Protein backbone atom coordinates (compact mmCIF):
# COMPACT_ATOMS: atom_id res chain seq x y z
CA MET A 1 145.04 -18.62 34.28
CA LYS A 2 141.72 -17.61 35.82
CA THR A 3 139.03 -20.26 35.48
CA ILE A 4 135.36 -19.89 34.57
CA ASP A 5 132.58 -21.07 36.90
CA TYR A 6 129.72 -20.30 34.52
CA ILE A 7 129.12 -20.02 30.76
CA PRO A 8 126.07 -18.08 29.52
CA VAL A 9 123.92 -20.51 27.55
CA SER A 10 120.65 -18.69 26.84
CA LYS A 11 120.24 -16.46 23.77
CA ILE A 12 119.43 -13.45 25.96
CA GLU A 13 122.50 -13.91 28.17
CA ARG A 14 124.84 -14.37 25.23
CA ALA A 15 123.36 -11.43 23.30
CA SER A 16 123.70 -9.26 26.41
CA LYS A 17 127.40 -10.11 26.70
CA LEU A 18 127.99 -9.13 23.06
CA VAL A 19 126.08 -5.88 23.53
CA GLN A 20 128.37 -5.06 26.46
CA THR A 21 131.38 -5.76 24.26
CA GLY A 22 129.93 -3.50 21.56
CA ALA A 23 129.56 -0.70 24.09
CA LYS A 24 133.26 -0.98 24.99
CA VAL A 25 134.19 -0.78 21.31
CA GLY A 26 132.06 2.36 21.01
CA VAL A 27 133.96 3.99 23.87
CA ASN A 28 137.25 3.03 22.20
CA TYR A 29 136.19 4.89 19.04
CA LEU A 30 135.35 8.00 21.05
CA LYS A 31 138.84 7.89 22.55
CA TYR A 32 140.31 7.37 19.09
CA TYR A 33 138.65 10.48 17.67
CA GLY A 34 140.24 12.56 20.43
CA ASP A 35 143.57 10.73 20.20
CA LYS A 36 144.07 11.38 16.47
CA ILE A 37 143.57 15.13 16.96
CA ILE A 38 146.69 15.43 19.10
CA ASN A 39 148.72 12.43 17.88
CA PRO A 40 149.68 10.94 14.48
CA GLU A 41 146.67 9.09 13.02
CA THR A 42 148.60 5.86 12.43
CA GLU A 43 149.58 5.68 16.11
CA ALA A 44 146.02 6.47 17.20
CA LYS A 45 144.68 3.75 14.86
CA ASP A 46 147.14 1.22 16.27
CA ARG A 47 145.94 2.00 19.80
CA LEU A 48 142.32 1.70 18.65
CA ASN A 49 142.97 -1.69 17.08
CA ALA A 50 144.77 -2.91 20.20
CA SER A 51 141.92 -1.79 22.49
CA ASN A 52 139.19 -3.20 20.25
CA ALA A 53 140.99 -6.51 19.75
CA SER A 54 141.45 -6.89 23.50
CA ASP A 55 137.84 -5.99 24.38
CA ILE A 56 136.31 -8.16 21.64
CA TYR A 57 138.47 -11.15 22.58
CA ASP A 58 137.75 -10.70 26.30
CA GLY A 59 134.04 -10.73 25.52
CA LEU A 60 134.20 -13.79 23.29
CA LYS A 61 136.53 -15.90 25.43
CA ASN A 62 133.96 -16.15 28.23
CA LEU A 63 131.16 -17.03 25.80
CA LYS A 64 133.25 -19.74 24.11
CA GLY A 65 131.50 -21.78 21.40
CA SER A 66 130.79 -20.46 17.91
CA ALA A 67 131.52 -16.82 18.71
CA LEU A 68 135.02 -17.70 19.87
CA LYS A 69 135.47 -20.15 16.98
CA VAL A 70 134.84 -17.32 14.52
CA ALA A 71 137.60 -15.33 16.25
CA GLN A 72 139.91 -18.33 15.89
CA MET A 73 139.09 -18.57 12.18
CA LEU A 74 139.71 -14.85 11.72
CA SER A 75 143.11 -15.12 13.44
CA MET A 76 144.29 -17.06 10.38
CA GLU A 77 143.40 -14.15 8.07
CA LYS A 78 146.77 -12.50 8.58
CA ASN A 79 146.50 -10.52 5.35
CA ILE A 80 143.10 -9.03 6.17
CA LEU A 81 143.02 -8.23 9.88
CA PRO A 82 145.29 -5.71 11.63
CA GLN A 83 148.09 -7.45 13.57
CA ALA A 84 146.53 -6.58 16.95
CA TYR A 85 143.48 -8.70 16.09
CA VAL A 86 145.59 -11.58 14.75
CA ASP A 87 147.68 -11.62 17.95
CA LYS A 88 144.66 -11.59 20.27
CA PHE A 89 142.36 -13.90 18.29
CA SER A 90 145.13 -16.47 17.85
CA LEU A 91 144.86 -17.14 21.60
CA ALA A 92 141.54 -18.84 20.79
CA GLN A 93 143.51 -21.63 19.10
CA PHE A 94 144.69 -23.23 22.33
CA SER A 95 144.81 -20.74 25.20
CA VAL A 96 141.52 -19.49 26.64
CA PRO A 97 140.29 -19.43 30.25
CA PRO A 98 139.26 -23.01 31.16
CA LEU A 99 136.26 -24.20 33.11
CA SER A 100 136.78 -24.40 36.86
CA PRO A 101 137.36 -27.92 38.31
CA ALA A 102 133.90 -27.85 39.92
CA LEU A 103 132.20 -27.04 36.60
CA VAL A 104 134.31 -29.69 34.85
CA MET A 105 133.09 -32.40 37.23
CA LYS A 106 129.48 -31.26 36.87
CA THR A 107 129.73 -31.12 33.06
CA PHE A 108 131.40 -34.54 32.80
CA LYS A 109 128.68 -36.14 34.96
CA LYS A 110 125.98 -34.52 32.81
CA TYR A 111 127.55 -35.82 29.58
CA PHE A 112 128.68 -39.28 30.70
CA GLY A 113 126.36 -40.17 33.57
CA LYS A 114 129.32 -40.78 35.89
CA PHE A 115 132.03 -38.67 37.50
CA PRO A 116 135.55 -38.91 35.99
CA ASN A 117 136.96 -40.75 39.02
CA GLU A 118 134.40 -43.51 38.40
CA ILE A 119 135.85 -44.02 34.89
CA PHE A 120 139.57 -43.26 35.19
CA ASP A 121 142.19 -44.28 37.76
CA THR A 122 143.52 -40.71 37.68
CA PHE A 123 141.84 -37.57 36.37
CA HIS A 124 143.19 -34.01 36.58
CA ALA A 125 140.24 -31.64 36.91
CA THR A 126 142.43 -28.69 35.91
CA SER A 127 142.60 -28.33 32.14
CA VAL A 128 145.92 -28.59 30.30
CA ASN A 129 144.58 -27.02 27.11
CA ALA A 130 141.44 -24.92 26.51
CA ALA A 131 140.14 -23.79 23.11
CA SER A 132 136.89 -22.53 21.57
CA ILE A 133 134.61 -25.59 21.75
CA GLY A 134 136.20 -27.79 24.40
CA GLN A 135 139.11 -28.28 26.77
CA VAL A 136 141.53 -31.16 27.39
CA HIS A 137 142.35 -32.96 30.64
CA TYR A 138 145.03 -35.46 31.58
CA ALA A 139 143.87 -38.88 32.81
CA VAL A 140 145.25 -42.37 33.40
CA LYS A 141 143.49 -45.72 33.04
CA GLU A 142 145.22 -49.05 33.64
CA GLY A 143 148.59 -47.31 33.48
CA LYS A 144 147.90 -45.66 30.11
CA PRO A 145 148.13 -41.83 29.87
CA LEU A 146 145.03 -40.39 28.19
CA ALA A 147 143.76 -37.04 26.94
CA VAL A 148 140.09 -36.37 27.70
CA LYS A 149 138.42 -33.57 25.72
CA ILE A 150 135.23 -32.18 27.28
CA GLN A 151 132.86 -29.93 25.34
CA TYR A 152 131.74 -26.69 26.96
CA PRO A 153 128.13 -26.56 28.18
CA GLY A 154 125.57 -25.11 25.76
CA VAL A 155 127.97 -24.86 22.80
CA ALA A 156 125.96 -27.04 20.40
CA GLU A 157 122.65 -25.35 21.23
CA SER A 158 123.94 -21.80 20.70
CA ILE A 159 125.55 -22.14 17.25
CA ALA A 160 122.76 -20.60 15.17
CA SER A 161 122.09 -17.72 17.58
CA ASP A 162 125.83 -16.98 18.01
CA LEU A 163 126.35 -16.79 14.25
CA ALA A 164 123.35 -14.49 13.92
CA LEU A 165 125.00 -12.16 16.45
CA VAL A 166 128.43 -12.09 14.77
CA LYS A 167 127.08 -12.13 11.19
CA PRO A 168 126.86 -8.30 10.80
CA ILE A 169 130.49 -7.93 11.89
CA ALA A 170 131.70 -10.60 9.46
CA MET A 171 129.64 -9.18 6.58
CA SER A 172 131.13 -5.74 7.13
CA MET A 173 134.67 -7.08 7.49
CA PHE A 174 134.55 -9.14 4.28
CA ASN A 175 132.18 -6.86 2.30
CA ILE A 176 129.52 -9.55 1.91
CA LYS A 177 126.18 -8.33 0.60
CA GLY A 178 123.04 -9.52 2.36
CA LYS A 179 121.45 -11.29 -0.63
CA ASP A 180 124.47 -13.58 -1.02
CA SER A 181 125.36 -14.18 2.61
CA ASP A 182 123.14 -17.15 3.45
CA LYS A 183 125.05 -19.82 1.53
CA TYR A 184 128.31 -18.86 3.27
CA PHE A 185 126.87 -18.70 6.77
CA LYS A 186 124.97 -21.97 6.29
CA GLU A 187 128.25 -23.60 5.30
CA VAL A 188 129.95 -22.31 8.47
CA GLU A 189 126.97 -23.26 10.63
CA GLY A 190 126.92 -26.79 9.22
CA LYS A 191 130.62 -27.29 9.94
CA LEU A 192 130.28 -25.92 13.48
CA VAL A 193 127.39 -28.31 14.16
CA GLU A 194 129.62 -31.17 13.00
CA GLU A 195 132.43 -30.00 15.28
CA THR A 196 130.19 -30.32 18.33
CA ASN A 197 129.40 -33.97 17.50
CA TYR A 198 132.31 -35.73 19.15
CA LEU A 199 131.16 -39.19 18.02
CA LEU A 200 131.49 -37.96 14.43
CA GLU A 201 134.92 -36.55 15.26
CA ILE A 202 136.07 -39.94 16.59
CA GLU A 203 134.83 -41.62 13.41
CA GLN A 204 136.62 -39.07 11.22
CA SER A 205 139.78 -39.26 13.31
CA LYS A 206 139.99 -43.03 12.99
CA GLU A 207 139.29 -42.82 9.25
CA ILE A 208 141.99 -40.22 8.56
CA SER A 209 144.63 -41.74 10.85
CA LYS A 210 144.18 -45.14 9.16
CA ALA A 211 144.24 -43.70 5.61
CA CYS A 212 147.33 -41.55 6.30
CA SER A 213 149.30 -43.97 8.49
CA HIS A 214 151.76 -44.63 5.64
CA ILE A 215 153.00 -41.01 5.51
CA PRO A 216 156.53 -40.77 7.01
CA ASN A 217 157.13 -38.72 10.19
CA LEU A 218 153.41 -38.38 10.91
CA LEU A 219 151.72 -39.66 14.09
CA PHE A 220 148.14 -39.85 15.37
CA PRO A 221 146.66 -40.70 18.77
CA LYS A 222 144.47 -43.76 19.23
CA TYR A 223 140.82 -43.05 20.11
CA TYR A 224 138.64 -44.88 22.66
CA PRO A 225 134.91 -44.85 21.75
CA LYS A 226 133.91 -46.73 24.93
CA LEU A 227 135.39 -43.92 27.02
CA SER A 228 133.77 -41.24 24.86
CA SER A 229 130.34 -39.75 24.17
CA GLU A 230 128.78 -37.09 21.92
CA GLN A 231 130.44 -34.41 24.09
CA ILE A 232 133.53 -36.25 25.42
CA ILE A 233 136.50 -37.72 23.52
CA THR A 234 139.14 -39.93 25.10
CA MET A 235 142.35 -40.52 23.17
CA ASP A 236 146.01 -41.31 23.76
CA TRP A 237 148.01 -38.64 25.55
CA MET A 238 150.54 -37.47 22.94
CA GLN A 239 153.73 -35.96 24.31
CA GLY A 240 155.01 -32.95 22.39
CA GLU A 241 154.98 -29.19 22.09
CA HIS A 242 152.63 -27.08 19.99
CA LEU A 243 153.96 -26.31 16.54
CA SER A 244 154.14 -22.57 17.27
CA GLU A 245 156.21 -23.22 20.41
CA PHE A 246 158.54 -25.49 18.46
CA THR A 247 159.10 -22.97 15.66
CA SER A 248 159.89 -20.21 18.17
CA HIS A 249 163.17 -21.91 19.14
CA ASN A 250 164.00 -24.48 16.46
CA THR A 251 167.24 -23.93 14.53
CA ASN A 252 167.53 -27.39 12.96
CA GLN A 253 166.85 -26.96 9.23
CA ILE A 254 166.85 -30.70 8.55
CA LYS A 255 164.10 -31.16 11.13
CA SER A 256 162.14 -28.22 9.65
CA ASN A 257 162.35 -29.74 6.18
CA SER A 258 161.28 -33.18 7.43
CA LEU A 259 158.29 -31.79 9.35
CA GLY A 260 157.32 -29.53 6.44
CA GLN A 261 157.37 -32.43 4.01
CA ALA A 262 155.23 -34.55 6.37
CA LEU A 263 152.72 -31.71 6.80
CA TRP A 264 152.55 -31.02 3.04
CA ASP A 265 152.22 -34.72 2.14
CA PHE A 266 149.48 -35.11 4.76
CA TYR A 267 147.38 -32.34 3.21
CA MET A 268 148.04 -33.21 -0.42
CA PHE A 269 147.10 -36.87 0.19
CA GLN A 270 143.85 -35.86 1.87
CA ILE A 271 142.92 -33.34 -0.82
CA HIS A 272 143.89 -35.26 -3.95
CA VAL A 273 143.31 -38.88 -2.87
CA LEU A 274 140.70 -38.83 -0.10
CA LYS A 275 138.92 -35.70 -1.40
CA LYS A 276 138.29 -34.89 2.26
CA VAL A 277 140.54 -32.60 4.28
CA HIS A 278 141.31 -31.51 7.83
CA ALA A 279 140.10 -27.92 7.35
CA ASP A 280 141.43 -26.49 10.62
CA PRO A 281 145.20 -26.17 10.09
CA HIS A 282 146.28 -23.95 12.97
CA PRO A 283 149.29 -24.50 15.30
CA GLY A 284 147.11 -25.72 18.19
CA ASN A 285 146.12 -28.81 16.22
CA PHE A 286 149.69 -30.03 15.72
CA LEU A 287 152.35 -31.18 18.16
CA ILE A 288 156.03 -31.91 17.55
CA SER A 289 157.35 -35.00 19.34
CA GLU A 290 160.80 -35.17 20.95
CA GLN A 291 161.83 -37.39 18.02
CA GLY A 292 160.90 -34.63 15.56
CA LYS A 293 157.72 -36.19 14.23
CA LEU A 294 154.48 -34.35 13.46
CA ILE A 295 151.45 -35.26 15.60
CA ALA A 296 148.05 -34.39 14.07
CA LEU A 297 145.09 -33.78 16.40
CA ASP A 298 141.44 -32.73 16.35
CA PHE A 299 139.53 -33.92 13.29
CA GLY A 300 136.22 -32.28 14.14
CA CYS A 301 136.37 -29.95 11.14
CA MET A 302 136.61 -32.10 8.00
CA LYS A 303 135.62 -30.73 4.59
CA THR A 304 134.50 -33.09 1.84
CA ILE A 305 135.51 -31.75 -1.60
CA PRO A 306 132.90 -32.49 -4.30
CA ASP A 307 134.19 -33.21 -7.81
CA GLU A 308 132.26 -30.31 -9.32
CA PHE A 309 134.43 -27.99 -7.18
CA TYR A 310 137.66 -30.01 -7.03
CA VAL A 311 138.11 -30.25 -10.82
CA PRO A 312 137.85 -26.55 -11.80
CA TYR A 313 139.59 -25.42 -8.58
CA PHE A 314 142.78 -27.35 -9.33
CA GLU A 315 142.58 -26.76 -13.07
CA LEU A 316 142.64 -23.07 -12.20
CA ALA A 317 145.92 -23.64 -10.34
CA LYS A 318 147.69 -24.81 -13.51
CA LYS A 319 149.94 -22.27 -15.22
CA GLU A 320 148.62 -23.14 -18.68
CA CYS A 321 145.10 -22.30 -17.48
CA ILE A 322 146.15 -19.05 -15.82
CA ASP A 323 147.97 -18.04 -19.01
CA ASN A 324 144.96 -18.76 -21.26
CA PRO A 325 142.47 -15.85 -20.91
CA ASN A 326 139.46 -17.74 -22.31
CA VAL A 327 139.95 -20.90 -20.26
CA PHE A 328 140.80 -18.85 -17.16
CA GLN A 329 137.57 -16.85 -17.39
CA GLN A 330 135.55 -20.02 -18.05
CA LYS A 331 136.87 -21.53 -14.79
CA LEU A 332 135.98 -18.35 -12.91
CA TYR A 333 132.36 -18.82 -14.00
CA GLU A 334 132.41 -22.52 -13.05
CA LEU A 335 133.58 -21.60 -9.56
CA GLU A 336 130.99 -18.79 -9.22
CA ILE A 337 133.70 -16.14 -8.98
CA LEU A 338 132.16 -14.49 -12.03
CA ARG A 339 128.37 -14.46 -12.37
CA SER A 340 125.93 -14.09 -15.25
CA ASP A 341 124.49 -10.89 -13.75
CA ASP A 342 127.89 -9.17 -13.46
CA SER A 343 128.41 -5.86 -15.19
CA LYS A 344 131.22 -5.40 -17.70
CA GLU A 345 133.11 -3.45 -15.05
CA GLU A 346 132.73 -6.26 -12.48
CA ILE A 347 133.84 -8.93 -14.97
CA GLU A 348 136.94 -6.95 -15.85
CA PHE A 349 137.76 -6.05 -12.24
CA PHE A 350 137.41 -9.55 -10.76
CA THR A 351 139.12 -11.24 -13.71
CA ILE A 352 142.18 -9.03 -13.23
CA MET A 353 142.03 -9.38 -9.43
CA PHE A 354 141.84 -13.18 -9.39
CA HIS A 355 144.41 -13.52 -12.16
CA GLU A 356 146.86 -11.52 -10.08
CA MET A 357 146.05 -13.44 -6.90
CA LEU A 358 146.19 -16.91 -8.45
CA SER A 359 149.35 -16.19 -10.45
CA LEU A 360 151.05 -15.59 -7.10
CA PHE A 361 149.29 -17.99 -4.75
CA THR A 362 149.58 -21.06 -7.01
CA GLN A 363 153.34 -20.79 -7.55
CA PRO A 364 154.11 -23.85 -5.36
CA PHE A 365 151.82 -26.05 -7.47
CA ASN A 366 153.69 -25.22 -10.64
CA GLN A 367 157.11 -26.25 -9.34
CA GLU A 368 158.53 -29.66 -8.46
CA VAL A 369 160.18 -28.34 -5.30
CA PHE A 370 159.29 -25.23 -3.31
CA ASP A 371 160.99 -23.18 -0.60
CA PHE A 372 158.36 -22.24 1.98
CA SER A 373 160.93 -20.31 3.99
CA ASN A 374 161.01 -17.71 1.20
CA GLY A 375 159.97 -14.53 2.99
CA GLU A 376 159.61 -12.62 -0.28
CA PHE A 377 156.84 -14.97 -1.47
CA PHE A 378 154.82 -14.43 1.71
CA GLU A 379 155.50 -10.69 1.71
CA GLN A 380 154.05 -10.51 -1.80
CA ILE A 381 150.92 -12.38 -0.64
CA ALA A 382 150.55 -10.04 2.34
CA ALA A 383 151.06 -6.93 0.19
CA LEU A 384 148.52 -8.13 -2.38
CA GLY A 385 145.94 -8.87 0.32
CA GLU A 386 146.50 -5.49 1.94
CA ARG A 387 146.23 -3.66 -1.38
CA TYR A 388 142.87 -5.21 -2.24
CA ALA A 389 141.62 -4.80 1.34
CA LYS A 390 142.12 -1.05 0.89
CA ASN A 391 140.78 -0.92 -2.68
CA SER A 392 137.89 1.58 -2.80
CA ALA A 393 136.48 0.08 -6.01
CA LEU A 394 136.21 -3.32 -4.34
CA ARG A 395 134.34 -1.80 -1.40
CA ASN A 396 131.64 -0.63 -3.82
CA MET A 397 131.14 -4.09 -5.30
CA ASN A 398 129.82 -7.34 -3.88
CA ALA A 399 133.09 -8.97 -2.79
CA SER A 400 131.42 -12.20 -1.70
CA ARG A 401 132.58 -14.24 -4.65
CA GLY A 402 132.80 -17.92 -5.35
CA SER A 403 131.29 -21.24 -4.39
CA LYS A 404 130.48 -21.89 -0.72
CA HIS A 405 133.23 -24.53 -0.81
CA PHE A 406 135.85 -21.78 -1.02
CA ILE A 407 135.35 -20.91 2.66
CA TYR A 408 136.96 -24.04 4.08
CA ILE A 409 139.23 -24.93 1.16
CA ASN A 410 140.80 -21.46 1.10
CA ARG A 411 140.99 -21.55 4.89
CA THR A 412 142.85 -24.85 4.59
CA PHE A 413 145.41 -23.50 2.14
CA PHE A 414 145.97 -20.19 3.95
CA GLY A 415 146.46 -22.10 7.19
CA LEU A 416 148.74 -24.66 5.55
CA TYR A 417 150.89 -21.97 3.90
CA ASN A 418 151.24 -20.15 7.23
CA LEU A 419 152.30 -23.34 9.02
CA MET A 420 154.80 -24.17 6.28
CA TYR A 421 156.27 -20.68 6.57
CA ASP A 422 156.38 -20.91 10.38
CA LEU A 423 158.35 -24.16 10.00
CA LYS A 424 160.65 -22.46 7.45
CA ALA A 425 160.50 -25.66 5.41
CA LYS A 426 162.77 -25.79 2.36
CA ASP A 427 163.09 -28.21 -0.57
CA VAL A 428 159.51 -29.46 -0.18
CA LYS A 429 158.57 -31.93 -2.93
CA ILE A 430 155.15 -30.78 -4.07
CA ASN A 431 153.88 -34.07 -5.54
CA ASN A 432 155.70 -36.36 -3.14
CA PHE A 433 152.39 -37.79 -1.87
CA ILE A 434 151.90 -39.64 -5.21
CA SER A 435 154.82 -41.98 -4.61
CA LEU A 436 154.11 -42.73 -0.94
């Protein structure tokens, strides 16, 4: 893969790159208007989506940082984005152009005050894994294989300006009205700032790995604070393949079930016991060992769940609440899905919409055992998401609904469901975490 010798760090440089990307998208639309005159519109739209997805991703992958992180987050919205965007943006999870060896050495010296070969016995300057905020290198010290994650230059300083640049796109895509947008973007900005603080990530990683060490078939690397800094993390080198690579060839159902149970128990224990969760559940953050165990990585994005959100959120998942119209609507108000200034039409529309969504999405929580390999369940979720994405009435309303905490909690559950489906895990005990 081609490496990068320079990352734009100033606001002007980064804005200029996005303007160039916007110009390419404009040209794609001009081609589309001509294409649909002589070809079926669905085929022309597919080509437009493919061209736009490619050009937008190509523009973001060289900027890295928050702009690319947003693309990574969007890649998990499989029921909202066209498939071309999902396919391209998913590359941001663990496969983007890395920094060149020369820039790696320069960046490491800037962050740590020494060159890597002054710290490690062996250090590979070519990255083995590059994502949105940092990239990973293989190293050895005193015979121990290590993974060294180095943050890209300028990432932390550009978060606010990057989000300001991508905000109009996100608002249009999710039909967020301007007056309500700040609380959501502040939530995202705050989490991105935390993700660039690698000392905080080490602290969170050690905390979670210790608290969850009792969960069967789950492994964590050990972290080395003395070999780390605010922009560098050194941890054990964990041997395994990315979850998405594993699922592409695995045919062992027993192994799928075991991994699925470990993944589910890991998330349920965090959510219900720790009230703090790893809110970045994409395939790039999980490895599968040769022994068939789940390896959890990268705890930069942790979401604390306050009681005032946790209680109504999980009460709303109970069937008896969903089936009681008065209690159900009361919980919608508590979670800011319904608001005091809503019109009668809005109250009716969003009550029906969320009742339909939650009746489907919460099915696993109302069963003792669930089959996450059930394609029909996920097809129903996809169809429901697509139907509301195309709903003209919804486009005329303010669709930015709910507490700011929904952003990362919903992201966690959508990501978790997708991973469970990718694993094709069956016979998953929903409340197994209680007895561990």
